Amino acid sequence: MADGSTLVVRPNSTIIVRDNQSEDNGKKTNVHVVVDSGQMFVRTEQQPEGTTNVVETPKTQNKLGSETGASFGVNPEGNGGNSRERRYG
């Protein structure tokens, strides 16, 4: 992604990328993805000040910081989902 983050999308998943842009020659980036159904793992690296990295599910909106790993899962029948976040930096 524009901020250097890596997304791993599991089979049978629907992921929507709402924003993936870099501004000011990479000094600020905006990434916003939506997990509509299925599973996704994201890992961020060191991020410049002003960067936003958002992962949204039908029931939550999560802002990820630098050096973070997180997984998100959404049940396609709408019976809920889960997320786990781990800071590794």
PDB file of N, CA and C in Angstrom:
ATOM      1  N   MET A   1       0.837  -1.162   0.000  1.00  0.00           N
ATOM      2  CA  MET A   1       0.000   0.000   0.000  1.00  0.00           C
ATOM      3  C   MET A   1       0.900   1.249   0.000  1.00  0.00           C
ATOM      4  N   ALA A   2       0.306   2.413  -0.142  1.00  0.00           N
ATOM      5  CA  ALA A   2       1.055   3.669  -0.256  1.00  0.00           C
ATOM      6  C   ALA A   2       1.893   3.966   0.978  1.00  0.00           C
ATOM      7  N   ASP A   3       1.461   3.480   2.147  1.00  0.00           N
ATOM      8  CA  ASP A   3       2.198   3.762   3.374  1.00  0.00           C
ATOM      9  C   ASP A   3       3.242   2.698   3.692  1.00  0.00           C
ATOM     10  N   GLY A   4       3.414   1.738   2.808  1.00  0.00           N
ATOM     11  CA  GLY A   4       4.382   0.673   3.027  1.00  0.00           C
ATOM     12  C   GLY A   4       3.799  -0.533   3.737  1.00  0.00           C
ATOM     13  N   SER A   5       2.525  -0.481   4.089  1.00  0.00           N
ATOM     14  CA  SER A   5       1.899  -1.615   4.755  1.00  0.00           C
ATOM     15  C   SER A   5       1.669  -2.745   3.762  1.00  0.00           C
ATOM     16  N   THR A   6       1.575  -3.959   4.296  1.00  0.00           N
ATOM     17  CA  THR A   6       1.353  -5.144   3.496  1.00  0.00           C
ATOM     18  C   THR A   6       0.023  -5.765   3.890  1.00  0.00           C
ATOM     19  N   LEU A   7      -0.824  -6.075   2.916  1.00  0.00           N
ATOM     20  CA  LEU A   7      -2.098  -6.737   3.155  1.00  0.00           C
ATOM     21  C   LEU A   7      -2.018  -8.158   2.637  1.00  0.00           C
ATOM     22  N   VAL A   8      -2.501  -9.099   3.424  1.00  0.00           N
ATOM     23  CA  VAL A   8      -2.649 -10.475   2.985  1.00  0.00           C
ATOM     24  C   VAL A   8      -4.137 -10.785   3.046  1.00  0.00           C
ATOM     25  N   VAL A   9      -4.718 -11.098   1.908  1.00  0.00           N
ATOM     26  CA  VAL A   9      -6.153 -11.365   1.815  1.00  0.00           C
ATOM     27  C   VAL A   9      -6.348 -12.868   1.668  1.00  0.00           C
ATOM     28  N   ARG A  10      -7.173 -13.424   2.518  1.00  0.00           N
ATOM     29  CA  ARG A  10      -7.455 -14.860   2.501  1.00  0.00           C
ATOM     30  C   ARG A  10      -8.459 -15.186   1.387  1.00  0.00           C
ATOM     31  N   PRO A  11      -8.486 -16.449   0.943  1.00  0.00           N
ATOM     32  CA  PRO A  11      -9.440 -16.851  -0.100  1.00  0.00           C
ATOM     33  C   PRO A  11     -10.889 -16.565   0.317  1.00  0.00           C
ATOM     34  N   ASN A  12     -11.733 -16.340  -0.672  1.00  0.00           N
ATOM     35  CA  ASN A  12     -13.162 -16.081  -0.477  1.00  0.00           C
ATOM     36  C   ASN A  12     -13.419 -14.849   0.378  1.00  0.00           C
ATOM     37  N   SER A  13     -12.588 -13.840   0.253  1.00  0.00           N
ATOM     38  CA  SER A  13     -12.731 -12.595   0.997  1.00  0.00           C
ATOM     39  C   SER A  13     -13.039 -11.455   0.040  1.00  0.00           C
ATOM     40  N   THR A  14     -13.770 -10.474   0.541  1.00  0.00           N
ATOM     41  CA  THR A  14     -14.052  -9.269  -0.230  1.00  0.00           C
ATOM     42  C   THR A  14     -13.466  -8.076   0.520  1.00  0.00           C
ATOM     43  N   ILE A  15     -12.488  -7.425  -0.090  1.00  0.00           N
ATOM     44  CA  ILE A  15     -11.808  -6.274   0.490  1.00  0.00           C
ATOM     45  C   ILE A  15     -12.008  -5.090  -0.443  1.00  0.00           C
ATOM     46  N   ILE A  16     -12.380  -3.947   0.113  1.00  0.00           N
ATOM     47  CA  ILE A  16     -12.588  -2.729  -0.672  1.00  0.00           C
ATOM     48  C   ILE A  16     -11.515  -1.721  -0.279  1.00  0.00           C
ATOM     49  N   VAL A  17     -10.764  -1.221  -1.246  1.00  0.00           N
ATOM     50  CA  VAL A  17      -9.761  -0.183  -0.983  1.00  0.00           C
ATOM     51  C   VAL A  17     -10.430   1.161  -1.233  1.00  0.00           C
ATOM     52  N   ARG A  18     -10.640   1.929  -0.167  1.00  0.00           N
ATOM     53  CA  ARG A  18     -11.302   3.230  -0.296  1.00  0.00           C
ATOM     54  C   ARG A  18     -10.307   4.353  -0.564  1.00  0.00           C
ATOM     55  N   ASP A  19      -9.107   4.208  -0.036  1.00  0.00           N
ATOM     56  CA  ASP A  19      -8.094   5.254  -0.209  1.00  0.00           C
ATOM     57  C   ASP A  19      -6.728   4.594  -0.163  1.00  0.00           C
ATOM     58  N   ASN A  20      -5.836   4.982  -1.049  1.00  0.00           N
ATOM     59  CA  ASN A  20      -4.469   4.476  -1.082  1.00  0.00           C
ATOM     60  C   ASN A  20      -3.626   5.520  -1.807  1.00  0.00           C
ATOM     61  N   GLN A  21      -3.312   6.599  -1.101  1.00  0.00           N
ATOM     62  CA  GLN A  21      -2.588   7.686  -1.753  1.00  0.00           C
ATOM     63  C   GLN A  21      -1.443   8.201  -0.898  1.00  0.00           C
ATOM     64  N   SER A  22      -0.489   8.779  -1.574  1.00  0.00           N
ATOM     65  CA  SER A  22       0.667   9.391  -0.934  1.00  0.00           C
ATOM     66  C   SER A  22       0.674  10.871  -1.283  1.00  0.00           C
ATOM     67  N   GLU A  23       0.908  11.705  -0.284  1.00  0.00           N
ATOM     68  CA  GLU A  23       0.951  13.150  -0.489  1.00  0.00           C
ATOM     69  C   GLU A  23       2.317  13.686  -0.074  1.00  0.00           C
ATOM     70  N   ASP A  24       2.663  14.842  -0.572  1.00  0.00           N
ATOM     71  CA  ASP A  24       3.918  15.514  -0.197  1.00  0.00           C
ATOM     72  C   ASP A  24       5.128  14.603  -0.367  1.00  0.00           C
ATOM     73  N   ASN A  25       5.226  13.959  -1.545  1.00  0.00           N
ATOM     74  CA  ASN A  25       6.365  13.082  -1.865  1.00  0.00           C
ATOM     75  C   ASN A  25       6.568  11.975  -0.842  1.00  0.00           C
ATOM     76  N   GLY A  26       5.478  11.381  -0.386  1.00  0.00           N
ATOM     77  CA  GLY A  26       5.575  10.257   0.538  1.00  0.00           C
ATOM     78  C   GLY A  26       5.698  10.627   1.995  1.00  0.00           C
ATOM     79  N   LYS A  27       5.644  11.917   2.318  1.00  0.00           N
ATOM     80  CA  LYS A  27       5.768  12.335   3.719  1.00  0.00           C
ATOM     81  C   LYS A  27       4.481  12.103   4.499  1.00  0.00           C
ATOM     82  N   LYS A  28       3.371  11.938   3.802  1.00  0.00           N
ATOM     83  CA  LYS A  28       2.082  11.682   4.422  1.00  0.00           C
ATOM     84  C   LYS A  28       1.302  10.748   3.506  1.00  0.00           C
ATOM     85  N   THR A  29       0.737   9.698   4.058  1.00  0.00           N
ATOM     86  CA  THR A  29      -0.039   8.768   3.251  1.00  0.00           C
ATOM     87  C   THR A  29      -1.384   8.503   3.919  1.00  0.00           C
ATOM     88  N   ASN A  30      -2.342   8.126   3.106  1.00  0.00           N
ATOM     89  CA  ASN A  30      -3.671   7.754   3.583  1.00  0.00           C
ATOM     90  C   ASN A  30      -4.030   6.409   2.980  1.00  0.00           C
ATOM     91  N   VAL A  31      -4.353   5.458   3.864  1.00  0.00           N
ATOM     92  CA  VAL A  31      -4.795   4.143   3.426  1.00  0.00           C
ATOM     93  C   VAL A  31      -6.062   3.819   4.209  1.00  0.00           C
ATOM     94  N   HIS A  32      -7.111   3.413   3.503  1.00  0.00           N
ATOM     95  CA  HIS A  32      -8.373   3.047   4.135  1.00  0.00           C
ATOM     96  C   HIS A  32      -8.929   1.846   3.381  1.00  0.00           C
ATOM     97  N   VAL A  33      -9.017   0.704   4.059  1.00  0.00           N
ATOM     98  CA  VAL A  33      -9.574  -0.497   3.450  1.00  0.00           C
ATOM     99  C   VAL A  33     -10.755  -0.982   4.279  1.00  0.00           C
ATOM    100  N   VAL A  34     -11.666  -1.680   3.615  1.00  0.00           N
ATOM    101  CA  VAL A  34     -12.855  -2.221   4.265  1.00  0.00           C
ATOM    102  C   VAL A  34     -12.873  -3.727   4.059  1.00  0.00           C
ATOM    103  N   VAL A  35     -13.037  -4.475   5.146  1.00  0.00           N
ATOM    104  CA  VAL A  35     -13.214  -5.915   5.067  1.00  0.00           C
ATOM    105  C   VAL A  35     -14.718  -6.156   5.033  1.00  0.00           C
ATOM    106  N   ASP A  36     -15.239  -6.484   3.856  1.00  0.00           N
ATOM    107  CA  ASP A  36     -16.669  -6.720   3.685  1.00  0.00           C
ATOM    108  C   ASP A  36     -17.033  -8.125   4.139  1.00  0.00           C
ATOM    109  N   SER A  37     -16.203  -9.095   3.785  1.00  0.00           N
ATOM    110  CA  SER A  37     -16.388 -10.472   4.235  1.00  0.00           C
ATOM    111  C   SER A  37     -15.054 -11.198   4.118  1.00  0.00           C
ATOM    112  N   GLY A  38     -14.865 -12.210   4.941  1.00  0.00           N
ATOM    113  CA  GLY A  38     -13.646 -13.004   4.893  1.00  0.00           C
ATOM    114  C   GLY A  38     -12.602 -12.546   5.889  1.00  0.00           C
ATOM    115  N   GLN A  39     -11.320 -12.797   5.558  1.00  0.00           N
ATOM    116  CA  GLN A  39     -10.221 -12.516   6.474  1.00  0.00           C
ATOM    117  C   GLN A  39      -9.093 -11.769   5.793  1.00  0.00           C
ATOM    118  N   MET A  40      -8.435 -10.914   6.576  1.00  0.00           N
ATOM    119  CA  MET A  40      -7.310 -10.131   6.080  1.00  0.00           C
ATOM    120  C   MET A  40      -6.312  -9.928   7.213  1.00  0.00           C
ATOM    121  N   PHE A  41      -5.030  -9.919   6.873  1.00  0.00           N
ATOM    122  CA  PHE A  41      -3.963  -9.590   7.804  1.00  0.00           C
ATOM    123  C   PHE A  41      -3.236  -8.378   7.257  1.00  0.00           C
ATOM    124  N   VAL A  42      -2.919  -7.420   8.117  1.00  0.00           N
ATOM    125  CA  VAL A  42      -2.171  -6.237   7.696  1.00  0.00           C
ATOM    126  C   VAL A  42      -0.992  -6.040   8.643  1.00  0.00           C
ATOM    127  N   ARG A  43       0.115  -5.610   8.065  1.00  0.00           N
ATOM    128  CA  ARG A  43       1.309  -5.314   8.857  1.00  0.00           C
ATOM    129  C   ARG A  43       1.852  -3.969   8.387  1.00  0.00           C
ATOM    130  N   THR A  44       2.018  -3.041   9.335  1.00  0.00           N
ATOM    131  CA  THR A  44       2.544  -1.729   8.993  1.00  0.00           C
ATOM    132  C   THR A  44       4.004  -1.634   9.410  1.00  0.00           C
ATOM    133  N   GLU A  45       4.742  -0.845   8.674  1.00  0.00           N
ATOM    134  CA  GLU A  45       6.128  -0.531   9.008  1.00  0.00           C
ATOM    135  C   GLU A  45       6.159   0.837   9.691  1.00  0.00           C
ATOM    136  N   GLN A  46       7.330   1.393   9.885  1.00  0.00           N
ATOM    137  CA  GLN A  46       7.449   2.748  10.426  1.00  0.00           C
ATOM    138  C   GLN A  46       6.735   3.701   9.479  1.00  0.00           C
ATOM    139  N   GLN A  47       5.890   4.570  10.017  1.00  0.00           N
ATOM    140  CA  GLN A  47       5.096   5.461   9.184  1.00  0.00           C
ATOM    141  C   GLN A  47       5.439   6.913   9.478  1.00  0.00           C
ATOM    142  N   PRO A  48       5.459   7.751   8.436  1.00  0.00           N
ATOM    143  CA  PRO A  48       5.720   9.178   8.644  1.00  0.00           C
ATOM    144  C   PRO A  48       4.595   9.827   9.458  1.00  0.00           C
ATOM    145  N   GLU A  49       4.924  10.917  10.129  1.00  0.00           N
ATOM    146  CA  GLU A  49       3.933  11.664  10.889  1.00  0.00           C
ATOM    147  C   GLU A  49       2.818  12.135   9.957  1.00  0.00           C
ATOM    148  N   GLY A  50       1.585  12.054  10.427  1.00  0.00           N
ATOM    149  CA  GLY A  50       0.449  12.477   9.617  1.00  0.00           C
ATOM    150  C   GLY A  50      -0.156  11.367   8.777  1.00  0.00           C
ATOM    151  N   THR A  51       0.446  10.182   8.809  1.00  0.00           N
ATOM    152  CA  THR A  51      -0.069   9.052   8.047  1.00  0.00           C
ATOM    153  C   THR A  51      -1.293   8.467   8.743  1.00  0.00           C
ATOM    154  N   THR A  52      -2.286   8.087   7.960  1.00  0.00           N
ATOM    155  CA  THR A  52      -3.435   7.381   8.514  1.00  0.00           C
ATOM    156  C   THR A  52      -3.575   6.040   7.822  1.00  0.00           C
ATOM    157  N   ASN A  53      -3.799   5.000   8.608  1.00  0.00           N
ATOM    158  CA  ASN A  53      -3.997   3.656   8.112  1.00  0.00           C
ATOM    159  C   ASN A  53      -5.223   3.114   8.824  1.00  0.00           C
ATOM    160  N   VAL A  54      -6.343   3.000   8.114  1.00  0.00           N
ATOM    161  CA  VAL A  54      -7.624   2.618   8.707  1.00  0.00           C
ATOM    162  C   VAL A  54      -8.119   1.325   8.076  1.00  0.00           C
ATOM    163  N   VAL A  55      -8.554   0.393   8.932  1.00  0.00           N
ATOM    164  CA  VAL A  55      -9.218  -0.824   8.471  1.00  0.00           C
ATOM    165  C   VAL A  55     -10.606  -0.823   9.092  1.00  0.00           C
ATOM    166  N   GLU A  56     -11.600  -0.967   8.230  1.00  0.00           N
ATOM    167  CA  GLU A  56     -12.991  -0.898   8.661  1.00  0.00           C
ATOM    168  C   GLU A  56     -13.671  -2.243   8.426  1.00  0.00           C
ATOM    169  N   THR A  57     -14.518  -2.628   9.363  1.00  0.00           N
ATOM    170  CA  THR A  57     -15.402  -3.774   9.192  1.00  0.00           C
ATOM    171  C   THR A  57     -16.827  -3.244   9.337  1.00  0.00           C
ATOM    172  N   PRO A  58     -17.842  -4.069   9.093  1.00  0.00           N
ATOM    173  CA  PRO A  58     -19.214  -3.555   9.231  1.00  0.00           C
ATOM    174  C   PRO A  58     -19.529  -2.993  10.623  1.00  0.00           C
ATOM    175  N   LYS A  59     -18.822  -3.454  11.658  1.00  0.00           N
ATOM    176  CA  LYS A  59     -19.133  -3.012  13.019  1.00  0.00           C
ATOM    177  C   LYS A  59     -18.043  -2.179  13.686  1.00  0.00           C
ATOM    178  N   THR A  60     -16.865  -2.070  13.085  1.00  0.00           N
ATOM    179  CA  THR A  60     -15.762  -1.357  13.725  1.00  0.00           C
ATOM    180  C   THR A  60     -14.990  -0.515  12.718  1.00  0.00           C
ATOM    181  N   GLN A  61     -14.241   0.442  13.238  1.00  0.00           N
ATOM    182  CA  GLN A  61     -13.274   1.199  12.445  1.00  0.00           C
ATOM    183  C   GLN A  61     -12.011   1.261  13.283  1.00  0.00           C
ATOM    184  N   ASN A  62     -10.889   0.791  12.731  1.00  0.00           N
ATOM    185  CA  ASN A  62      -9.643   0.631  13.465  1.00  0.00           C
ATOM    186  C   ASN A  62      -8.538   1.447  12.815  1.00  0.00           C
ATOM    187  N   LYS A  63      -7.885   2.311  13.582  1.00  0.00           N
ATOM    188  CA  LYS A  63      -6.746   3.075  13.082  1.00  0.00           C
ATOM    189  C   LYS A  63      -5.477   2.375  13.563  1.00  0.00           C
ATOM    190  N   LEU A  64      -4.620   1.997  12.611  1.00  0.00           N
ATOM    191  CA  LEU A  64      -3.391   1.287  12.937  1.00  0.00           C
ATOM    192  C   LEU A  64      -2.223   2.250  12.980  1.00  0.00           C
ATOM    193  N   GLY A  65      -1.351   2.061  13.947  1.00  0.00           N
ATOM    194  CA  GLY A  65      -0.157   2.867  14.063  1.00  0.00           C
ATOM    195  C   GLY A  65       1.031   2.199  13.397  1.00  0.00           C
ATOM    196  N   SER A  66       2.196   2.781  13.600  1.00  0.00           N
ATOM    197  CA  SER A  66       3.433   2.234  13.053  1.00  0.00           C
ATOM    198  C   SER A  66       3.750   0.889  13.688  1.00  0.00           C
ATOM    199  N   GLU A  67       4.397   0.048  12.911  1.00  0.00           N
ATOM    200  CA  GLU A  67       4.926  -1.227  13.370  1.00  0.00           C
ATOM    201  C   GLU A  67       3.877  -2.049  14.110  1.00  0.00           C
ATOM    202  N   THR A  68       2.772  -2.293  13.422  1.00  0.00           N
ATOM    203  CA  THR A  68       1.654  -3.034  14.000  1.00  0.00           C
ATOM    204  C   THR A  68       1.256  -4.159  13.060  1.00  0.00           C
ATOM    205  N   GLY A  69       0.877  -5.275  13.627  1.00  0.00           N
ATOM    206  CA  GLY A  69       0.298  -6.365  12.858  1.00  0.00           C
ATOM    207  C   GLY A  69      -1.106  -6.610  13.377  1.00  0.00           C
ATOM    208  N   ALA A  70      -2.060  -6.800  12.492  1.00  0.00           N
ATOM    209  CA  ALA A  70      -3.442  -7.015  12.915  1.00  0.00           C
ATOM    210  C   ALA A  70      -4.136  -7.938  11.932  1.00  0.00           C
ATOM    211  N   SER A  71      -5.080  -8.728  12.460  1.00  0.00           N
ATOM    212  CA  SER A  71      -5.894  -9.563  11.592  1.00  0.00           C
ATOM    213  C   SER A  71      -7.359  -9.199  11.809  1.00  0.00           C
ATOM    214  N   PHE A  72      -8.132  -9.302  10.745  1.00  0.00           N
ATOM    215  CA  PHE A  72      -9.539  -8.944  10.760  1.00  0.00           C
ATOM    216  C   PHE A  72     -10.321 -10.039  10.064  1.00  0.00           C
ATOM    217  N   GLY A  73     -11.453 -10.386  10.636  1.00  0.00           N
ATOM    218  CA  GLY A  73     -12.313 -11.398  10.029  1.00  0.00           C
ATOM    219  C   GLY A  73     -13.762 -10.973  10.112  1.00  0.00           C
ATOM    220  N   VAL A  74     -14.494 -11.178   9.033  1.00  0.00           N
ATOM    221  CA  VAL A  74     -15.914 -10.836   8.990  1.00  0.00           C
ATOM    222  C   VAL A  74     -16.682 -12.035   8.449  1.00  0.00           C
ATOM    223  N   ASN A  75     -17.686 -12.461   9.180  1.00  0.00           N
ATOM    224  CA  ASN A  75     -18.546 -13.550   8.767  1.00  0.00           C
ATOM    225  C   ASN A  75     -19.455 -13.045   7.649  1.00  0.00           C
ATOM    226  N   PRO A  76     -19.469 -13.686   6.488  1.00  0.00           N
ATOM    227  CA  PRO A  76     -20.278 -13.182   5.365  1.00  0.00           C
ATOM    228  C   PRO A  76     -21.785 -13.178   5.642  1.00  0.00           C
ATOM    229  N   GLU A  77     -22.251 -13.948   6.605  1.00  0.00           N
ATOM    230  CA  GLU A  77     -23.669 -13.951   6.951  1.00  0.00           C
ATOM    231  C   GLU A  77     -24.028 -12.796   7.878  1.00  0.00           C
ATOM    232  N   GLY A  78     -23.057 -11.979   8.252  1.00  0.00           N
ATOM    233  CA  GLY A  78     -23.324 -10.818   9.098  1.00  0.00           C
ATOM    234  C   GLY A  78     -23.471 -11.137  10.571  1.00  0.00           C
ATOM    235  N   ASN A  79     -22.997 -12.301  10.982  1.00  0.00           N
ATOM    236  CA  ASN A  79     -23.125 -12.693  12.385  1.00  0.00           C
ATOM    237  C   ASN A  79     -21.962 -12.207  13.248  1.00  0.00           C
ATOM    238  N   GLY A  80     -21.274 -11.190  12.804  1.00  0.00           N
ATOM    239  CA  GLY A  80     -20.176 -10.643  13.592  1.00  0.00           C
ATOM    240  C   GLY A  80     -18.838 -10.851  12.933  1.00  0.00           C
ATOM    241  N   GLY A  81     -17.828 -10.433  13.628  1.00  0.00           N
ATOM    242  CA  GLY A  81     -16.472 -10.559  13.130  1.00  0.00           C
ATOM    243  C   GLY A  81     -15.510 -10.475  14.282  1.00  0.00           C
ATOM    244  N   ASN A  82     -14.232 -10.501  13.961  1.00  0.00           N
ATOM    245  CA  ASN A  82     -13.234 -10.376  15.013  1.00  0.00           C
ATOM    246  C   ASN A  82     -12.029  -9.640  14.477  1.00  0.00           C
ATOM    247  N   SER A  83     -11.271  -9.092  15.399  1.00  0.00           N
ATOM    248  CA  SER A  83     -10.014  -8.447  15.024  1.00  0.00           C
ATOM    249  C   SER A  83      -9.022  -8.660  16.143  1.00  0.00           C
ATOM    250  N   ARG A  84      -7.756  -8.774  15.767  1.00  0.00           N
ATOM    251  CA  ARG A  84      -6.665  -8.894  16.723  1.00  0.00           C
ATOM    252  C   ARG A  84      -5.549  -7.987  16.267  1.00  0.00           C
ATOM    253  N   GLU A  85      -4.970  -7.289  17.216  1.00  0.00           N
ATOM    254  CA  GLU A  85      -3.895  -6.350  16.876  1.00  0.00           C
ATOM    255  C   GLU A  85      -2.701  -6.629  17.781  1.00  0.00           C
ATOM    256  N   ARG A  86      -1.489  -6.508  17.188  1.00  0.00           N
ATOM    257  CA  ARG A  86      -0.274  -6.718  17.949  1.00  0.00           C
ATOM    258  C   ARG A  86       0.756  -5.709  17.484  1.00  0.00           C
ATOM    259  N   ARG A  87       1.308  -4.960  18.418  1.00  0.00           N
ATOM    260  CA  ARG A  87       2.371  -4.017  18.090  1.00  0.00           C
ATOM    261  C   ARG A  87       3.692  -4.742  18.222  1.00  0.00           C
ATOM    262  N   TYR A  88       4.516  -4.697  17.193  1.00  0.00           N
ATOM    263  CA  TYR A  88       5.767  -5.443  17.217  1.00  0.00           C
ATOM    264  C   TYR A  88       6.988  -4.546  17.242  1.00  0.00           C
ATOM    265  N   GLY A  89       6.841  -3.242  17.222  1.00  0.00           N
ATOM    266  CA  GLY A  89       7.990  -2.327  17.150  1.00  0.00           C
ATOM    267  C   GLY A  89       8.523  -1.888  18.453  1.00  0.00           C
TER     268      GLY A  89
END
